Amino acid sequence: MKRSFFAPLALAVAATGAFGLSACNNKADDATESQADAVESAADATADAIDSAADNMSDNSSEAIMHGKADATRDMGKATAKALEEKADKQAGHP
């Protein structure tokens, strides 16, 4: 049975996006940075789950593929968080 580990990440991103939209006030910079933290935390949690699943596999090549997916998930979370933080800085008028 194949199971997508990116679905929980997508759900977390959507939830934090809704949070970000609801917090459009003079604290938008802080809200966007909080959103970035939440996205990165969700990606890390998803990647940890992928790593745990990989550790329980008996096939080394499948395990390596899953660890690669976990690394990609972490990288995607970090990149998304960085983009959100840059957006927050831009909103706040920071160079």
N, C-alpha and C. Protein backbone atom coordinates (compact mmCIF):
# COMPACT_ATOMS: atom_id res chain seq x y z
N MET A 1 0.84 -1.17 0.00
CA MET A 1 0.00 0.00 0.00
C MET A 1 0.89 1.24 0.00
N LYS A 2 0.68 2.07 -1.00
CA LYS A 2 1.44 3.31 -1.05
C LYS A 2 0.69 4.38 -0.29
N ARG A 3 1.46 5.15 0.44
CA ARG A 3 0.85 6.22 1.23
C ARG A 3 1.68 7.47 1.04
N SER A 4 1.01 8.54 0.74
CA SER A 4 1.73 9.80 0.51
C SER A 4 2.04 10.46 1.83
N PHE A 5 3.32 10.75 2.03
CA PHE A 5 3.74 11.45 3.24
C PHE A 5 3.69 12.95 3.04
N PHE A 6 3.41 13.38 1.80
CA PHE A 6 3.35 14.81 1.53
C PHE A 6 1.96 15.38 1.84
N ALA A 7 0.96 14.52 1.96
CA ALA A 7 -0.39 14.98 2.28
C ALA A 7 -0.45 15.70 3.63
N PRO A 8 0.17 15.16 4.69
CA PRO A 8 0.13 15.90 5.96
C PRO A 8 0.85 17.24 5.87
N LEU A 9 1.92 17.29 5.08
CA LEU A 9 2.64 18.55 4.90
C LEU A 9 1.76 19.56 4.17
N ALA A 10 1.08 19.11 3.13
CA ALA A 10 0.19 20.00 2.38
C ALA A 10 -0.92 20.52 3.28
N LEU A 11 -1.46 19.66 4.13
CA LEU A 11 -2.50 20.08 5.05
C LEU A 11 -1.97 21.12 6.03
N ALA A 12 -0.76 20.91 6.53
CA ALA A 12 -0.17 21.87 7.47
C ALA A 12 0.08 23.21 6.80
N VAL A 13 0.54 23.17 5.55
CA VAL A 13 0.79 24.42 4.82
C VAL A 13 -0.53 25.16 4.59
N ALA A 14 -1.58 24.43 4.22
CA ALA A 14 -2.88 25.06 4.01
C ALA A 14 -3.42 25.67 5.30
N ALA A 15 -3.26 24.95 6.40
CA ALA A 15 -3.75 25.45 7.69
C ALA A 15 -3.00 26.70 8.11
N THR A 16 -1.69 26.69 7.93
CA THR A 16 -0.92 27.87 8.33
C THR A 16 -1.18 29.02 7.37
N GLY A 17 -1.49 28.70 6.12
CA GLY A 17 -1.86 29.75 5.17
C GLY A 17 -3.15 30.43 5.59
N ALA A 18 -4.10 29.65 6.04
CA ALA A 18 -5.35 30.23 6.53
C ALA A 18 -5.10 31.08 7.76
N PHE A 19 -4.21 30.61 8.62
CA PHE A 19 -3.85 31.40 9.80
C PHE A 19 -3.23 32.73 9.38
N GLY A 20 -2.34 32.67 8.40
CA GLY A 20 -1.68 33.89 7.92
C GLY A 20 -2.67 34.89 7.37
N LEU A 21 -3.66 34.41 6.64
CA LEU A 21 -4.67 35.31 6.08
C LEU A 21 -5.55 35.91 7.17
N SER A 22 -5.80 35.16 8.21
CA SER A 22 -6.65 35.69 9.28
C SER A 22 -5.90 36.69 10.15
N ALA A 23 -4.59 36.73 10.02
CA ALA A 23 -3.80 37.62 10.88
C ALA A 23 -3.30 38.85 10.13
N CYS A 24 -4.05 39.29 9.11
CA CYS A 24 -3.62 40.46 8.33
C CYS A 24 -3.92 41.73 9.11
N ASN A 25 -3.00 42.13 9.91
CA ASN A 25 -3.11 43.39 10.63
C ASN A 25 -1.73 43.99 10.71
N ASN A 26 -1.50 44.90 11.61
CA ASN A 26 -0.20 45.54 11.70
C ASN A 26 0.89 44.59 12.19
N LYS A 27 0.55 43.41 12.56
CA LYS A 27 1.51 42.39 13.00
C LYS A 27 1.73 41.34 11.90
N ALA A 28 1.51 41.75 10.64
CA ALA A 28 1.61 40.80 9.53
C ALA A 28 2.99 40.17 9.45
N ASP A 29 4.01 40.95 9.74
CA ASP A 29 5.38 40.43 9.70
C ASP A 29 5.53 39.28 10.70
N ASP A 30 5.08 39.48 11.92
CA ASP A 30 5.17 38.44 12.94
C ASP A 30 4.34 37.21 12.56
N ALA A 31 3.17 37.45 12.02
CA ALA A 31 2.29 36.34 11.64
C ALA A 31 2.92 35.52 10.53
N THR A 32 3.52 36.19 9.56
CA THR A 32 4.15 35.45 8.46
C THR A 32 5.35 34.68 8.94
N GLU A 33 6.11 35.25 9.86
CA GLU A 33 7.25 34.51 10.41
C GLU A 33 6.79 33.32 11.25
N SER A 34 5.69 33.47 11.96
CA SER A 34 5.13 32.34 12.70
C SER A 34 4.67 31.25 11.74
N GLN A 35 4.10 31.67 10.63
CA GLN A 35 3.67 30.73 9.60
C GLN A 35 4.89 29.97 9.06
N ALA A 36 5.97 30.67 8.84
CA ALA A 36 7.20 30.03 8.35
C ALA A 36 7.69 28.98 9.35
N ASP A 37 7.66 29.32 10.63
CA ASP A 37 8.07 28.36 11.65
C ASP A 37 7.17 27.13 11.65
N ALA A 38 5.87 27.35 11.49
CA ALA A 38 4.92 26.23 11.48
C ALA A 38 5.14 25.33 10.27
N VAL A 39 5.41 25.93 9.12
CA VAL A 39 5.66 25.15 7.91
C VAL A 39 6.91 24.29 8.09
N GLU A 40 7.97 24.89 8.61
CA GLU A 40 9.21 24.14 8.80
C GLU A 40 9.02 23.02 9.83
N SER A 41 8.28 23.29 10.89
CA SER A 41 8.01 22.26 11.90
C SER A 41 7.19 21.11 11.32
N ALA A 42 6.20 21.45 10.50
CA ALA A 42 5.37 20.41 9.87
C ALA A 42 6.20 19.57 8.92
N ALA A 43 7.09 20.20 8.17
CA ALA A 43 7.94 19.46 7.25
C ALA A 43 8.87 18.53 8.03
N ASP A 44 9.43 19.02 9.13
CA ASP A 44 10.31 18.19 9.95
C ASP A 44 9.56 16.99 10.53
N ALA A 45 8.34 17.23 10.98
CA ALA A 45 7.54 16.13 11.55
C ALA A 45 7.21 15.09 10.47
N THR A 46 6.87 15.56 9.29
CA THR A 46 6.57 14.65 8.19
C THR A 46 7.81 13.85 7.81
N ALA A 47 8.95 14.55 7.73
CA ALA A 47 10.20 13.88 7.40
C ALA A 47 10.58 12.85 8.46
N ASP A 48 10.35 13.17 9.71
CA ASP A 48 10.62 12.21 10.79
C ASP A 48 9.76 10.96 10.63
N ALA A 49 8.51 11.14 10.23
CA ALA A 49 7.62 9.99 10.01
C ALA A 49 8.11 9.15 8.84
N ILE A 50 8.59 9.81 7.78
CA ILE A 50 9.12 9.08 6.64
C ILE A 50 10.37 8.30 7.05
N ASP A 51 11.25 8.95 7.82
CA ASP A 51 12.45 8.27 8.30
C ASP A 51 12.10 7.05 9.16
N SER A 52 11.10 7.19 10.01
CA SER A 52 10.68 6.06 10.85
C SER A 52 10.16 4.91 10.00
N ALA A 53 9.37 5.24 8.98
CA ALA A 53 8.87 4.20 8.08
C ALA A 53 10.03 3.54 7.34
N ALA A 54 11.01 4.34 6.93
CA ALA A 54 12.17 3.78 6.22
C ALA A 54 12.97 2.84 7.11
N ASP A 55 13.09 3.21 8.36
CA ASP A 55 13.86 2.37 9.30
C ASP A 55 13.21 1.00 9.51
N ASN A 56 11.93 0.90 9.24
CA ASN A 56 11.22 -0.37 9.42
C ASN A 56 11.18 -1.21 8.15
N MET A 57 11.83 -0.75 7.08
CA MET A 57 11.83 -1.48 5.81
C MET A 57 12.96 -2.50 5.80
N SER A 58 12.70 -3.63 5.16
CA SER A 58 13.73 -4.67 5.08
C SER A 58 14.56 -4.54 3.81
N ASP A 59 14.05 -3.86 2.82
CA ASP A 59 14.75 -3.69 1.54
C ASP A 59 15.59 -2.41 1.59
N ASN A 60 16.91 -2.57 1.47
CA ASN A 60 17.82 -1.43 1.60
C ASN A 60 17.59 -0.36 0.55
N SER A 61 17.26 -0.74 -0.68
CA SER A 61 17.05 0.28 -1.72
C SER A 61 15.77 1.07 -1.44
N SER A 62 14.74 0.42 -0.97
CA SER A 62 13.51 1.13 -0.61
C SER A 62 13.75 2.05 0.58
N GLU A 63 14.55 1.56 1.52
CA GLU A 63 14.88 2.36 2.69
C GLU A 63 15.64 3.62 2.26
N ALA A 64 16.58 3.48 1.36
CA ALA A 64 17.35 4.63 0.88
C ALA A 64 16.46 5.63 0.15
N ILE A 65 15.53 5.11 -0.64
CA ILE A 65 14.60 5.99 -1.35
C ILE A 65 13.75 6.78 -0.35
N MET A 66 13.28 6.10 0.67
CA MET A 66 12.45 6.77 1.68
C MET A 66 13.25 7.82 2.45
N HIS A 67 14.50 7.51 2.78
CA HIS A 67 15.34 8.51 3.47
C HIS A 67 15.57 9.71 2.54
N GLY A 68 15.70 9.46 1.26
CA GLY A 68 15.83 10.55 0.29
C GLY A 68 14.58 11.41 0.26
N LYS A 69 13.42 10.77 0.34
CA LYS A 69 12.15 11.53 0.39
C LYS A 69 12.08 12.37 1.67
N ALA A 70 12.57 11.81 2.75
CA ALA A 70 12.56 12.56 4.01
C ALA A 70 13.46 13.79 3.90
N ASP A 71 14.63 13.60 3.31
CA ASP A 71 15.54 14.74 3.12
C ASP A 71 14.91 15.80 2.22
N ALA A 72 14.25 15.35 1.15
CA ALA A 72 13.59 16.28 0.24
C ALA A 72 12.47 17.04 0.94
N THR A 73 11.75 16.36 1.81
CA THR A 73 10.67 17.00 2.56
C THR A 73 11.23 18.08 3.48
N ARG A 74 12.31 17.75 4.18
CA ARG A 74 12.95 18.76 5.05
C ARG A 74 13.43 19.96 4.24
N ASP A 75 14.07 19.68 3.10
CA ASP A 75 14.57 20.76 2.24
C ASP A 75 13.43 21.64 1.74
N MET A 76 12.33 21.01 1.36
CA MET A 76 11.18 21.77 0.88
C MET A 76 10.61 22.64 2.00
N GLY A 77 10.55 22.10 3.19
CA GLY A 77 10.05 22.88 4.33
C GLY A 77 10.95 24.07 4.63
N LYS A 78 12.26 23.85 4.58
CA LYS A 78 13.20 24.95 4.83
C LYS A 78 13.10 26.01 3.75
N ALA A 79 12.99 25.59 2.50
CA ALA A 79 12.89 26.55 1.40
C ALA A 79 11.60 27.36 1.49
N THR A 80 10.51 26.69 1.82
CA THR A 80 9.23 27.38 1.96
C THR A 80 9.28 28.36 3.13
N ALA A 81 9.88 27.93 4.23
CA ALA A 81 10.00 28.81 5.40
C ALA A 81 10.86 30.02 5.06
N LYS A 82 11.94 29.80 4.35
CA LYS A 82 12.82 30.91 3.97
C LYS A 82 12.08 31.90 3.09
N ALA A 83 11.31 31.39 2.13
CA ALA A 83 10.53 32.27 1.25
C ALA A 83 9.51 33.08 2.05
N LEU A 84 8.88 32.44 3.02
CA LEU A 84 7.91 33.15 3.86
C LEU A 84 8.59 34.22 4.71
N GLU A 85 9.76 33.90 5.24
CA GLU A 85 10.49 34.88 6.05
C GLU A 85 10.93 36.07 5.20
N GLU A 86 11.34 35.79 3.96
CA GLU A 86 11.71 36.89 3.06
C GLU A 86 10.49 37.74 2.73
N LYS A 87 9.35 37.09 2.57
CA LYS A 87 8.10 37.81 2.32
C LYS A 87 7.77 38.69 3.53
N ALA A 88 7.95 38.17 4.73
CA ALA A 88 7.67 38.93 5.95
C ALA A 88 8.58 40.15 6.03
N ASP A 89 9.86 39.95 5.71
CA ASP A 89 10.79 41.08 5.74
C ASP A 89 10.38 42.16 4.72
N LYS A 90 9.96 41.70 3.55
CA LYS A 90 9.54 42.63 2.51
C LYS A 90 8.28 43.39 2.95
N GLN A 91 7.34 42.69 3.57
CA GLN A 91 6.12 43.33 4.05
C GLN A 91 6.43 44.38 5.11
N ALA A 92 7.44 44.10 5.91
CA ALA A 92 7.80 45.01 6.99
C ALA A 92 8.72 46.14 6.50
N GLY A 93 9.10 46.07 5.23
CA GLY A 93 9.95 47.09 4.67
C GLY A 93 11.42 46.91 4.98
N HIS A 94 11.81 45.69 5.34
CA HIS A 94 13.21 45.40 5.62
C HIS A 94 13.91 45.11 4.30
N PRO A 95 15.15 45.51 4.17
CA PRO A 95 15.88 45.25 2.92
C PRO A 95 16.23 43.78 2.74
